[in-house]
Amino acid sequence: MKRTIMKRHSVKSSSHLSRSKGFSDHWDLTHLLSRPQEEFEQSLKKLDGQVSKFESLRGGLSPDMSTKVFLDILSLNGAIAAESAKLSAYAYLWFSENTKILEARAFKTKVEERLTALQNRMLFFDLWWQTVDEANAARLMEPSGDVQYYLESIRRYKPHTLSEAEEKIINVKNTTGRHAVNTIYDVLTNGLTFTLAVKGQRKRLTREQLSAYIRSPQAEIREAAYREMYRIFDSHHDVLGEIYTTLVNDWKTENIELRKFTAPIASRNLGNDVPDEAVDALLNTCSKNAAIFQDYFRIKAKICKIRPMNRYHLYAPHRSERKR
């Protein structure tokens, strides 16, 4: 079970503006941290104090506690979540800006480790909340406002939650396991360089830059961009395959063998608060109506005069007609 104190903030990238307006292609993260190293330690000291206060409330947790006391606990929990999210957002966005910056990678790892330790110290609240009877849970949630959905979400995980000690081990393991593997993938794939001939000139491109040519109006450019992407990724297929296999096995071991979900997708469905039956209905309906999808591309091929239609032209732009 994963607490939500490490949510990522969404920040609009300025990279697309840099090409047209001369803006910097770096994230502006000063609203999160202006002096990351100094403010990180200050923030961690503040969080440690808040978490210590949160821990001191453990003995007072009771199903028949007053709603006022319960709301005070939620308020402290929210303050910790907000401060944690700020650190997490800064670390992730700084890393994603350029995955080759060693300082950013080290900072991201440090933040993840420290926040995981804080998360484990607060884990007892989720486990207690799952044990509260329905009547008292409803009573305590009634005045909680926007936090009610968060409280309901914790209780949804009850059938798949392990002991406190086991949950702590999984959280620590994920920091150096699943999360580390994802970081390796980001570092590897974001560092790939692609070569493409455009108007007689050979360009060295990043994956993001190459993706723009996959939507080129020129069919030969689209196909060349796709083939170059496949060529480079194929040259790393051993490492990429091992990364994928590792993540799949980790997902299966935790969610199927330990948490007893009925299917791998069931864990994701629960996290998205969507019933398995709804997802199954969606997939079945899409499968039964695959012909509509195919008809769309036949029509697109006719309109765009593409022969034959294949995956290289899925993103071909439609021809624009100008009329007076």
C-alpha atoms as a PDB file:
ATOM      1  CA  MET A   1       0.000   0.000   0.000  1.00  0.00           C
ATOM      2  CA  LYS A   2       1.476   3.329  -1.065  1.00  0.00           C
ATOM      3  CA  ARG A   3       0.796   6.543   0.785  1.00  0.00           C
ATOM      4  CA  THR A   4       0.327   9.688  -1.267  1.00  0.00           C
ATOM      5  CA  ILE A   5       2.824  12.049   0.356  1.00  0.00           C
ATOM      6  CA  MET A   6       5.060  12.026  -2.736  1.00  0.00           C
ATOM      7  CA  LYS A   7       2.715  13.295  -5.456  1.00  0.00           C
ATOM      8  CA  ARG A   8       4.310  15.101  -8.384  1.00  0.00           C
ATOM      9  CA  HIS A   9       3.295  18.638  -9.247  1.00  0.00           C
ATOM     10  CA  SER A  10       2.411  19.225 -12.897  1.00  0.00           C
ATOM     11  CA  VAL A  11       4.462  22.056 -14.368  1.00  0.00           C
ATOM     12  CA  LYS A  12       4.139  23.282 -17.917  1.00  0.00           C
ATOM     13  CA  SER A  13       7.343  22.854 -19.909  1.00  0.00           C
ATOM     14  CA  SER A  14       8.835  25.879 -21.589  1.00  0.00           C
ATOM     15  CA  SER A  15      10.806  23.836 -24.128  1.00  0.00           C
ATOM     16  CA  HIS A  16       8.244  24.348 -26.905  1.00  0.00           C
ATOM     17  CA  LEU A  17       8.326  28.083 -26.260  1.00  0.00           C
ATOM     18  CA  SER A  18      12.106  28.209 -26.395  1.00  0.00           C
ATOM     19  CA  ARG A  19      12.108  27.308 -30.050  1.00  0.00           C
ATOM     20  CA  SER A  20       9.657  30.006 -31.053  1.00  0.00           C
ATOM     21  CA  LYS A  21      10.190  32.810 -28.522  1.00  0.00           C
ATOM     22  CA  GLY A  22      13.744  32.344 -27.364  1.00  0.00           C
ATOM     23  CA  PHE A  23      12.779  31.261 -23.869  1.00  0.00           C
ATOM     24  CA  SER A  24      15.053  29.038 -21.786  1.00  0.00           C
ATOM     25  CA  ASP A  25      14.588  25.302 -22.306  1.00  0.00           C
ATOM     26  CA  HIS A  26      15.078  24.678 -18.575  1.00  0.00           C
ATOM     27  CA  TRP A  27      12.331  24.213 -15.996  1.00  0.00           C
ATOM     28  CA  ASP A  28      11.634  27.231 -13.825  1.00  0.00           C
ATOM     29  CA  LEU A  29      11.523  25.510 -10.425  1.00  0.00           C
ATOM     30  CA  THR A  30      12.229  28.493  -8.212  1.00  0.00           C
ATOM     31  CA  HIS A  31       8.644  28.470  -6.926  1.00  0.00           C
ATOM     32  CA  LEU A  32       9.434  25.032  -5.468  1.00  0.00           C
ATOM     33  CA  LEU A  33      13.018  25.494  -4.264  1.00  0.00           C
ATOM     34  CA  SER A  34      15.284  28.422  -5.068  1.00  0.00           C
ATOM     35  CA  ARG A  35      18.307  27.032  -3.152  1.00  0.00           C
ATOM     36  CA  PRO A  36      17.744  23.263  -3.317  1.00  0.00           C
ATOM     37  CA  GLN A  37      20.560  22.020  -1.100  1.00  0.00           C
ATOM     38  CA  GLU A  38      19.930  24.511   1.711  1.00  0.00           C
ATOM     39  CA  GLU A  39      16.143  24.405   1.505  1.00  0.00           C
ATOM     40  CA  PHE A  40      16.143  20.607   1.314  1.00  0.00           C
ATOM     41  CA  GLU A  41      17.741  20.304   4.737  1.00  0.00           C
ATOM     42  CA  GLN A  42      15.451  22.983   6.136  1.00  0.00           C
ATOM     43  CA  SER A  43      12.413  21.260   4.693  1.00  0.00           C
ATOM     44  CA  LEU A  44      13.535  17.855   5.999  1.00  0.00           C
ATOM     45  CA  LYS A  45      14.006  19.319   9.475  1.00  0.00           C
ATOM     46  CA  LYS A  46      10.495  20.781   9.334  1.00  0.00           C
ATOM     47  CA  LEU A  47       9.063  17.497   8.070  1.00  0.00           C
ATOM     48  CA  ASP A  48      10.839  15.494  10.752  1.00  0.00           C
ATOM     49  CA  GLY A  49       9.239  17.651  13.411  1.00  0.00           C
ATOM     50  CA  GLN A  50       5.796  17.340  11.831  1.00  0.00           C
ATOM     51  CA  VAL A  51       6.116  13.580  11.447  1.00  0.00           C
ATOM     52  CA  SER A  52       7.266  13.250  15.066  1.00  0.00           C
ATOM     53  CA  LYS A  53       4.144  15.121  16.142  1.00  0.00           C
ATOM     54  CA  PHE A  54       2.067  12.858  13.905  1.00  0.00           C
ATOM     55  CA  GLU A  55       3.651   9.784  15.495  1.00  0.00           C
ATOM     56  CA  SER A  56       2.789  11.080  18.968  1.00  0.00           C
ATOM     57  CA  LEU A  57      -0.899  10.919  18.050  1.00  0.00           C
ATOM     58  CA  ARG A  58      -0.803   7.164  17.475  1.00  0.00           C
ATOM     59  CA  GLY A  59      -1.900   6.266  20.993  1.00  0.00           C
ATOM     60  CA  GLY A  60      -4.990   8.449  20.715  1.00  0.00           C
ATOM     61  CA  LEU A  61      -6.364   6.824  17.581  1.00  0.00           C
ATOM     62  CA  SER A  62      -9.744   5.296  18.337  1.00  0.00           C
ATOM     63  CA  PRO A  63     -12.884   4.587  16.295  1.00  0.00           C
ATOM     64  CA  ASP A  64     -14.963   6.654  18.729  1.00  0.00           C
ATOM     65  CA  MET A  65     -12.623   9.659  18.764  1.00  0.00           C
ATOM     66  CA  SER A  66     -14.142  13.101  18.231  1.00  0.00           C
ATOM     67  CA  THR A  67     -14.381  14.488  14.719  1.00  0.00           C
ATOM     68  CA  LYS A  68     -12.446  17.592  15.823  1.00  0.00           C
ATOM     69  CA  VAL A  69      -9.428  15.549  16.887  1.00  0.00           C
ATOM     70  CA  PHE A  70      -9.686  13.500  13.711  1.00  0.00           C
ATOM     71  CA  LEU A  71      -9.773  16.642  11.540  1.00  0.00           C
ATOM     72  CA  ASP A  72      -6.703  17.997  13.344  1.00  0.00           C
ATOM     73  CA  ILE A  73      -4.853  14.782  12.460  1.00  0.00           C
ATOM     74  CA  LEU A  74      -5.923  15.110   8.827  1.00  0.00           C
ATOM     75  CA  SER A  75      -4.778  18.737   8.767  1.00  0.00           C
ATOM     76  CA  LEU A  76      -1.306  17.743   9.965  1.00  0.00           C
ATOM     77  CA  ASN A  77      -1.247  14.887   7.474  1.00  0.00           C
ATOM     78  CA  GLY A  78      -2.099  17.329   4.684  1.00  0.00           C
ATOM     79  CA  ALA A  79       0.643  19.749   5.711  1.00  0.00           C
ATOM     80  CA  ILE A  80       3.191  16.928   5.614  1.00  0.00           C
ATOM     81  CA  ALA A  81       1.897  15.822   2.208  1.00  0.00           C
ATOM     82  CA  ALA A  82       2.206  19.344   0.771  1.00  0.00           C
ATOM     83  CA  GLU A  83       5.780  19.827   1.973  1.00  0.00           C
ATOM     84  CA  SER A  84       6.775  16.346   0.790  1.00  0.00           C
ATOM     85  CA  ALA A  85       5.210  16.901  -2.625  1.00  0.00           C
ATOM     86  CA  LYS A  86       7.227  20.088  -3.082  1.00  0.00           C
ATOM     87  CA  LEU A  87      10.498  18.231  -2.552  1.00  0.00           C
ATOM     88  CA  SER A  88       9.421  15.299  -4.691  1.00  0.00           C
ATOM     89  CA  ALA A  89       8.286  17.548  -7.535  1.00  0.00           C
ATOM     90  CA  TYR A  90      11.522  19.525  -7.569  1.00  0.00           C
ATOM     91  CA  ALA A  91      13.678  16.385  -7.515  1.00  0.00           C
ATOM     92  CA  TYR A  92      11.769  14.660 -10.323  1.00  0.00           C
ATOM     93  CA  LEU A  93      11.539  17.703 -12.593  1.00  0.00           C
ATOM     94  CA  TRP A  94      15.199  18.616 -12.151  1.00  0.00           C
ATOM     95  CA  PHE A  95      16.140  15.028 -13.012  1.00  0.00           C
ATOM     96  CA  SER A  96      13.806  14.848 -16.023  1.00  0.00           C
ATOM     97  CA  GLU A  97      15.181  18.105 -17.427  1.00  0.00           C
ATOM     98  CA  ASN A  98      18.477  16.362 -18.173  1.00  0.00           C
ATOM     99  CA  THR A  99      18.932  12.799 -16.940  1.00  0.00           C
ATOM    100  CA  LYS A 100      22.700  13.015 -17.435  1.00  0.00           C
ATOM    101  CA  ILE A 101      23.230  15.556 -14.653  1.00  0.00           C
ATOM    102  CA  LEU A 102      24.752  13.467 -11.856  1.00  0.00           C
ATOM    103  CA  GLU A 103      23.897  16.049  -9.202  1.00  0.00           C
ATOM    104  CA  ALA A 104      20.212  15.919 -10.156  1.00  0.00           C
ATOM    105  CA  ARG A 105      20.183  12.120 -10.074  1.00  0.00           C
ATOM    106  CA  ALA A 106      21.841  12.065  -6.666  1.00  0.00           C
ATOM    107  CA  PHE A 107      19.389  14.651  -5.350  1.00  0.00           C
ATOM    108  CA  LYS A 108      16.413  12.664  -6.636  1.00  0.00           C
ATOM    109  CA  THR A 109      17.709   9.492  -4.950  1.00  0.00           C
ATOM    110  CA  LYS A 110      18.293  11.333  -1.678  1.00  0.00           C
ATOM    111  CA  VAL A 111      14.795  12.823  -1.709  1.00  0.00           C
ATOM    112  CA  GLU A 112      13.182   9.460  -2.445  1.00  0.00           C
ATOM    113  CA  GLU A 113      15.089   7.745   0.366  1.00  0.00           C
ATOM    114  CA  ARG A 114      14.326  10.418   2.952  1.00  0.00           C
ATOM    115  CA  LEU A 115      10.637  10.702   2.024  1.00  0.00           C
ATOM    116  CA  THR A 116      10.249   6.927   2.098  1.00  0.00           C
ATOM    117  CA  ALA A 117      11.616   6.897   5.640  1.00  0.00           C
ATOM    118  CA  LEU A 118       9.076   9.549   6.636  1.00  0.00           C
ATOM    119  CA  GLN A 119       6.324   7.672   4.840  1.00  0.00           C
ATOM    120  CA  ASN A 120       7.077   4.521   6.812  1.00  0.00           C
ATOM    121  CA  ARG A 121       6.851   6.416  10.099  1.00  0.00           C
ATOM    122  CA  MET A 122       3.316   7.511   9.196  1.00  0.00           C
ATOM    123  CA  LEU A 123       2.139   4.197   7.808  1.00  0.00           C
ATOM    124  CA  PHE A 124       0.379   3.253  11.035  1.00  0.00           C
ATOM    125  CA  PHE A 125      -2.442   5.740  10.323  1.00  0.00           C
ATOM    126  CA  ASP A 126      -3.502   4.049   7.086  1.00  0.00           C
ATOM    127  CA  LEU A 127      -3.459   0.629   8.717  1.00  0.00           C
ATOM    128  CA  TRP A 128      -5.517   1.866  11.675  1.00  0.00           C
ATOM    129  CA  TRP A 129      -8.002   3.646   9.423  1.00  0.00           C
ATOM    130  CA  GLN A 130      -8.667   0.423   7.534  1.00  0.00           C
ATOM    131  CA  THR A 131      -9.716  -1.279  10.793  1.00  0.00           C
ATOM    132  CA  VAL A 132     -12.328   1.341  11.793  1.00  0.00           C
ATOM    133  CA  ASP A 133     -15.890   0.011  11.586  1.00  0.00           C
ATOM    134  CA  GLU A 134     -18.174   1.366   8.855  1.00  0.00           C
ATOM    135  CA  ALA A 135     -20.416   3.395  11.182  1.00  0.00           C
ATOM    136  CA  ASN A 136     -17.558   5.281  12.833  1.00  0.00           C
ATOM    137  CA  ALA A 137     -15.725   5.659   9.540  1.00  0.00           C
ATOM    138  CA  ALA A 138     -18.801   7.333   8.046  1.00  0.00           C
ATOM    139  CA  ARG A 139     -19.128   9.569  11.115  1.00  0.00           C
ATOM    140  CA  LEU A 140     -15.497  10.675  10.992  1.00  0.00           C
ATOM    141  CA  MET A 141     -15.523  11.234   7.231  1.00  0.00           C
ATOM    142  CA  GLU A 142     -18.727  13.291   7.168  1.00  0.00           C
ATOM    143  CA  PRO A 143     -17.074  16.671   7.976  1.00  0.00           C
ATOM    144  CA  SER A 144     -13.801  15.906   6.159  1.00  0.00           C
ATOM    145  CA  GLY A 145     -14.726  17.735   2.941  1.00  0.00           C
ATOM    146  CA  ASP A 146     -12.263  17.278   0.090  1.00  0.00           C
ATOM    147  CA  VAL A 147     -10.248  14.777   2.132  1.00  0.00           C
ATOM    148  CA  GLN A 148     -13.113  12.279   2.158  1.00  0.00           C
ATOM    149  CA  TYR A 149     -12.132  10.651  -1.121  1.00  0.00           C
ATOM    150  CA  TYR A 150      -8.568  10.196   0.142  1.00  0.00           C
ATOM    151  CA  LEU A 151      -9.935   8.434   3.236  1.00  0.00           C
ATOM    152  CA  GLU A 152     -12.222   6.244   1.148  1.00  0.00           C
ATOM    153  CA  SER A 153      -9.280   5.309  -1.084  1.00  0.00           C
ATOM    154  CA  ILE A 154      -7.239   4.053   1.872  1.00  0.00           C
ATOM    155  CA  ARG A 155     -10.075   1.759   2.937  1.00  0.00           C
ATOM    156  CA  ARG A 156     -10.418   0.309  -0.577  1.00  0.00           C
ATOM    157  CA  TYR A 157      -6.969  -1.259  -0.207  1.00  0.00           C
ATOM    158  CA  LYS A 158      -7.823  -3.171   2.968  1.00  0.00           C
ATOM    159  CA  PRO A 159      -8.128  -6.641   1.304  1.00  0.00           C
ATOM    160  CA  HIS A 160      -4.673  -6.217  -0.232  1.00  0.00           C
ATOM    161  CA  THR A 161      -2.777  -4.593   2.637  1.00  0.00           C
ATOM    162  CA  LEU A 162      -0.047  -6.499   4.466  1.00  0.00           C
ATOM    163  CA  SER A 163       1.292  -6.051   7.981  1.00  0.00           C
ATOM    164  CA  GLU A 164       3.003  -2.806   8.973  1.00  0.00           C
ATOM    165  CA  ALA A 165       6.435  -4.439   8.928  1.00  0.00           C
ATOM    166  CA  GLU A 166       5.842  -5.945   5.483  1.00  0.00           C
ATOM    167  CA  GLU A 167       4.539  -2.669   4.064  1.00  0.00           C
ATOM    168  CA  LYS A 168       7.623  -0.847   5.330  1.00  0.00           C
ATOM    169  CA  ILE A 169       9.917  -3.403   3.718  1.00  0.00           C
ATOM    170  CA  ILE A 170       8.114  -3.057   0.375  1.00  0.00           C
ATOM    171  CA  ASN A 171       8.386   0.748   0.491  1.00  0.00           C
ATOM    172  CA  VAL A 172      12.130   0.576   1.141  1.00  0.00           C
ATOM    173  CA  LYS A 173      12.559  -2.144  -1.481  1.00  0.00           C
ATOM    174  CA  ASN A 174      10.756  -0.081  -4.122  1.00  0.00           C
ATOM    175  CA  THR A 175      13.159   2.835  -3.638  1.00  0.00           C
ATOM    176  CA  THR A 176      16.166   0.742  -4.606  1.00  0.00           C
ATOM    177  CA  GLY A 177      14.210  -1.646  -6.798  1.00  0.00           C
ATOM    178  CA  ARG A 178      11.301  -0.638  -9.020  1.00  0.00           C
ATOM    179  CA  HIS A 179      11.970   3.108  -8.821  1.00  0.00           C
ATOM    180  CA  ALA A 180      15.680   2.627  -9.494  1.00  0.00           C
ATOM    181  CA  VAL A 181      14.941   0.470 -12.554  1.00  0.00           C
ATOM    182  CA  ASN A 182      12.621   3.173 -13.910  1.00  0.00           C
ATOM    183  CA  THR A 183      15.403   5.710 -13.396  1.00  0.00           C
ATOM    184  CA  ILE A 184      17.808   3.520 -15.358  1.00  0.00           C
ATOM    185  CA  TYR A 185      15.264   3.363 -18.211  1.00  0.00           C
ATOM    186  CA  ASP A 186      14.905   7.156 -18.237  1.00  0.00           C
ATOM    187  CA  VAL A 187      18.672   7.702 -18.210  1.00  0.00           C
ATOM    188  CA  LEU A 188      19.207   5.202 -21.028  1.00  0.00           C
ATOM    189  CA  THR A 189      16.394   6.210 -23.374  1.00  0.00           C
ATOM    190  CA  ASN A 190      16.698   9.967 -22.866  1.00  0.00           C
ATOM    191  CA  GLY A 191      20.382   9.711 -23.701  1.00  0.00           C
ATOM    192  CA  LEU A 192      19.821   8.021 -27.054  1.00  0.00           C
ATOM    193  CA  THR A 193      20.852   9.899 -30.193  1.00  0.00           C
ATOM    194  CA  PHE A 194      19.140   9.439 -33.560  1.00  0.00           C
ATOM    195  CA  THR A 195      20.354  10.383 -37.038  1.00  0.00           C
ATOM    196  CA  LEU A 196      17.941  11.468 -39.756  1.00  0.00           C
ATOM    197  CA  ALA A 197      18.466  12.949 -43.217  1.00  0.00           C
ATOM    198  CA  VAL A 198      16.204  15.973 -43.740  1.00  0.00           C
ATOM    199  CA  LYS A 199      16.403  17.975 -46.962  1.00  0.00           C
ATOM    200  CA  GLY A 200      19.783  16.525 -47.746  1.00  0.00           C
ATOM    201  CA  GLN A 201      21.233  17.273 -44.305  1.00  0.00           C
ATOM    202  CA  ARG A 202      21.938  14.675 -41.638  1.00  0.00           C
ATOM    203  CA  LYS A 203      20.583  15.741 -38.248  1.00  0.00           C
ATOM    204  CA  ARG A 204      21.475  14.339 -34.823  1.00  0.00           C
ATOM    205  CA  LEU A 205      18.281  14.288 -32.792  1.00  0.00           C
ATOM    206  CA  THR A 206      16.935  13.373 -29.384  1.00  0.00           C
ATOM    207  CA  ARG A 207      13.944  11.057 -29.106  1.00  0.00           C
ATOM    208  CA  GLU A 208      11.606  14.008 -28.601  1.00  0.00           C
ATOM    209  CA  GLN A 209      13.004  15.782 -31.659  1.00  0.00           C
ATOM    210  CA  LEU A 210      12.750  12.627 -33.759  1.00  0.00           C
ATOM    211  CA  SER A 211       9.092  12.184 -32.742  1.00  0.00           C
ATOM    212  CA  ALA A 212       8.221  15.437 -34.506  1.00  0.00           C
ATOM    213  CA  TYR A 213       9.301  13.901 -37.815  1.00  0.00           C
ATOM    214  CA  ILE A 214       6.986  10.926 -37.292  1.00  0.00           C
ATOM    215  CA  ARG A 215       4.195  13.441 -38.004  1.00  0.00           C
ATOM    216  CA  SER A 216       5.923  14.958 -41.021  1.00  0.00           C
ATOM    217  CA  PRO A 217       3.738  15.759 -44.086  1.00  0.00           C
ATOM    218  CA  GLN A 218       6.301  13.844 -46.190  1.00  0.00           C
ATOM    219  CA  ALA A 219       5.773  10.085 -46.219  1.00  0.00           C
ATOM    220  CA  GLU A 220       9.437   9.238 -46.755  1.00  0.00           C
ATOM    221  CA  ILE A 221      10.426  11.349 -43.737  1.00  0.00           C
ATOM    222  CA  ARG A 222       7.819   9.650 -41.547  1.00  0.00           C
ATOM    223  CA  GLU A 223       9.047   6.196 -42.536  1.00  0.00           C
ATOM    224  CA  ALA A 224      12.706   7.110 -42.111  1.00  0.00           C
ATOM    225  CA  ALA A 225      12.012   8.536 -38.633  1.00  0.00           C
ATOM    226  CA  TYR A 226      10.202   5.358 -37.581  1.00  0.00           C
ATOM    227  CA  ARG A 227      12.952   3.108 -38.926  1.00  0.00           C
ATOM    228  CA  GLU A 228      15.650   5.123 -37.181  1.00  0.00           C
ATOM    229  CA  MET A 229      13.778   4.881 -33.887  1.00  0.00           C
ATOM    230  CA  TYR A 230      13.442   1.102 -34.273  1.00  0.00           C
ATOM    231  CA  ARG A 231      17.114   0.791 -35.255  1.00  0.00           C
ATOM    232  CA  ILE A 232      18.416   2.573 -32.164  1.00  0.00           C
ATOM    233  CA  PHE A 233      16.032   0.885 -29.746  1.00  0.00           C
ATOM    234  CA  ASP A 234      16.829  -2.496 -31.264  1.00  0.00           C
ATOM    235  CA  SER A 235      20.522  -1.946 -30.582  1.00  0.00           C
ATOM    236  CA  HIS A 236      19.615  -1.734 -26.868  1.00  0.00           C
ATOM    237  CA  HIS A 237      17.012  -4.491 -26.870  1.00  0.00           C
ATOM    238  CA  ASP A 238      18.904  -6.674 -24.393  1.00  0.00           C
ATOM    239  CA  VAL A 239      19.008  -3.994 -21.687  1.00  0.00           C
ATOM    240  CA  LEU A 240      15.502  -2.698 -22.410  1.00  0.00           C
ATOM    241  CA  GLY A 241      14.147  -6.246 -22.379  1.00  0.00           C
ATOM    242  CA  GLU A 242      15.725  -6.931 -18.983  1.00  0.00           C
ATOM    243  CA  ILE A 243      14.279  -3.693 -17.594  1.00  0.00           C
ATOM    244  CA  TYR A 244      10.806  -4.636 -18.800  1.00  0.00           C
ATOM    245  CA  THR A 245      11.095  -8.214 -17.505  1.00  0.00           C
ATOM    246  CA  THR A 246      12.283  -6.985 -14.112  1.00  0.00           C
ATOM    247  CA  LEU A 247       9.369  -4.583 -13.742  1.00  0.00           C
ATOM    248  CA  VAL A 248       6.835  -7.203 -14.835  1.00  0.00           C
ATOM    249  CA  ASN A 249       8.176  -9.769 -12.377  1.00  0.00           C
ATOM    250  CA  ASP A 250       8.251  -7.206  -9.582  1.00  0.00           C
ATOM    251  CA  TRP A 251       4.629  -6.264 -10.317  1.00  0.00           C
ATOM    252  CA  LYS A 252       3.560  -9.917 -10.368  1.00  0.00           C
ATOM    253  CA  THR A 253       5.410 -10.843  -7.180  1.00  0.00           C
ATOM    254  CA  GLU A 254       4.010  -7.969  -5.149  1.00  0.00           C
ATOM    255  CA  ASN A 255       0.472  -7.702  -6.486  1.00  0.00           C
ATOM    256  CA  ILE A 256      -0.410 -11.285  -7.342  1.00  0.00           C
ATOM    257  CA  GLU A 257       1.641 -13.359  -4.907  1.00  0.00           C
ATOM    258  CA  LEU A 258       1.721 -11.031  -1.891  1.00  0.00           C
ATOM    259  CA  ARG A 259      -1.336  -8.792  -2.177  1.00  0.00           C
ATOM    260  CA  LYS A 260      -3.533 -11.474  -3.762  1.00  0.00           C
ATOM    261  CA  PHE A 261      -5.042  -9.438  -6.586  1.00  0.00           C
ATOM    262  CA  THR A 262      -6.997 -11.610  -9.009  1.00  0.00           C
ATOM    263  CA  ALA A 263      -5.127 -10.285 -12.054  1.00  0.00           C
ATOM    264  CA  PRO A 264      -2.194  -7.937 -12.785  1.00  0.00           C
ATOM    265  CA  ILE A 265      -4.524  -5.250 -14.123  1.00  0.00           C
ATOM    266  CA  ALA A 266      -6.723  -5.439 -11.004  1.00  0.00           C
ATOM    267  CA  SER A 267      -4.134  -3.536  -8.970  1.00  0.00           C
ATOM    268  CA  ARG A 268      -4.080  -0.705 -11.508  1.00  0.00           C
ATOM    269  CA  ASN A 269      -7.876  -0.662 -11.668  1.00  0.00           C
ATOM    270  CA  LEU A 270      -8.111  -0.293  -7.899  1.00  0.00           C
ATOM    271  CA  GLY A 271      -5.627   2.560  -7.966  1.00  0.00           C
ATOM    272  CA  ASN A 272      -7.732   4.271 -10.634  1.00  0.00           C
ATOM    273  CA  ASP A 273     -10.918   3.519  -8.663  1.00  0.00           C
ATOM    274  CA  VAL A 274     -12.459   1.762 -11.660  1.00  0.00           C
ATOM    275  CA  PRO A 275     -14.226  -1.613 -11.254  1.00  0.00           C
ATOM    276  CA  ASP A 276     -12.635  -4.558 -13.038  1.00  0.00           C
ATOM    277  CA  GLU A 277     -15.964  -5.154 -14.775  1.00  0.00           C
ATOM    278  CA  ALA A 278     -15.919  -1.659 -16.304  1.00  0.00           C
ATOM    279  CA  VAL A 279     -12.415  -2.131 -17.711  1.00  0.00           C
ATOM    280  CA  ASP A 280     -13.319  -5.576 -19.035  1.00  0.00           C
ATOM    281  CA  ALA A 281     -16.399  -4.116 -20.742  1.00  0.00           C
ATOM    282  CA  LEU A 282     -14.295  -1.358 -22.298  1.00  0.00           C
ATOM    283  CA  LEU A 283     -11.685  -3.795 -23.635  1.00  0.00           C
ATOM    284  CA  ASN A 284     -14.316  -6.216 -24.951  1.00  0.00           C
ATOM    285  CA  THR A 285     -16.234  -3.444 -26.708  1.00  0.00           C
ATOM    286  CA  CYS A 286     -13.064  -2.096 -28.333  1.00  0.00           C
ATOM    287  CA  SER A 287     -12.132  -5.594 -29.467  1.00  0.00           C
ATOM    288  CA  LYS A 288     -15.560  -6.254 -30.978  1.00  0.00           C
ATOM    289  CA  ASN A 289     -15.483  -2.937 -32.834  1.00  0.00           C
ATOM    290  CA  ALA A 290     -11.917  -3.122 -34.136  1.00  0.00           C
ATOM    291  CA  ALA A 291     -13.329  -2.871 -37.673  1.00  0.00           C
ATOM    292  CA  ILE A 292     -14.346   0.751 -37.017  1.00  0.00           C
ATOM    293  CA  PHE A 293     -10.751   1.587 -36.131  1.00  0.00           C
ATOM    294  CA  GLN A 294      -9.546  -0.132 -39.287  1.00  0.00           C
ATOM    295  CA  ASP A 295     -12.132   1.686 -41.410  1.00  0.00           C
ATOM    296  CA  TYR A 296     -10.863   4.996 -40.075  1.00  0.00           C
ATOM    297  CA  PHE A 297      -7.352   4.319 -41.377  1.00  0.00           C
ATOM    298  CA  ARG A 298      -8.683   3.102 -44.728  1.00  0.00           C
ATOM    299  CA  ILE A 299     -10.542   6.405 -45.090  1.00  0.00           C
ATOM    300  CA  LYS A 300      -7.491   8.356 -43.930  1.00  0.00           C
ATOM    301  CA  ALA A 301      -5.321   6.550 -46.487  1.00  0.00           C
ATOM    302  CA  LYS A 302      -7.802   7.493 -49.219  1.00  0.00           C
ATOM    303  CA  ILE A 303      -8.015  11.143 -48.155  1.00  0.00           C
ATOM    304  CA  CYS A 304      -4.231  11.493 -47.734  1.00  0.00           C
ATOM    305  CA  LYS A 305      -3.508   9.392 -50.854  1.00  0.00           C
ATOM    306  CA  ILE A 306      -1.307   6.928 -48.969  1.00  0.00           C
ATOM    307  CA  ARG A 307      -0.595   3.595 -50.666  1.00  0.00           C
ATOM    308  CA  PRO A 308      -0.148   1.253 -48.992  1.00  0.00           C
ATOM    309  CA  MET A 309      -1.266   2.261 -45.508  1.00  0.00           C
ATOM    310  CA  ASN A 310       1.022   1.012 -42.743  1.00  0.00           C
ATOM    311  CA  ARG A 311       2.197   1.980 -39.273  1.00  0.00           C
ATOM    312  CA  TYR A 312       4.658   4.546 -40.633  1.00  0.00           C
ATOM    313  CA  HIS A 313       1.705   6.716 -41.638  1.00  0.00           C
ATOM    314  CA  LEU A 314      -0.554   6.441 -38.581  1.00  0.00           C
ATOM    315  CA  TYR A 315       0.222  10.059 -37.692  1.00  0.00           C
ATOM    316  CA  ALA A 316       0.240  11.470 -41.198  1.00  0.00           C
ATOM    317  CA  PRO A 317      -1.364  14.937 -41.131  1.00  0.00           C
ATOM    318  CA  HIS A 318      -4.540  15.353 -43.148  1.00  0.00           C
ATOM    319  CA  ARG A 319      -4.324  17.432 -46.300  1.00  0.00           C
ATOM    320  CA  SER A 320      -5.653  20.954 -45.816  1.00  0.00           C
ATOM    321  CA  GLU A 321      -7.996  22.286 -48.476  1.00  0.00           C
ATOM    322  CA  ARG A 322      -8.170  26.011 -49.160  1.00  0.00           C
ATOM    323  CA  LYS A 323     -11.312  27.378 -50.734  1.00  0.00           C
ATOM    324  CA  ARG A 324     -12.638  30.844 -51.361  1.00  0.00           C
END
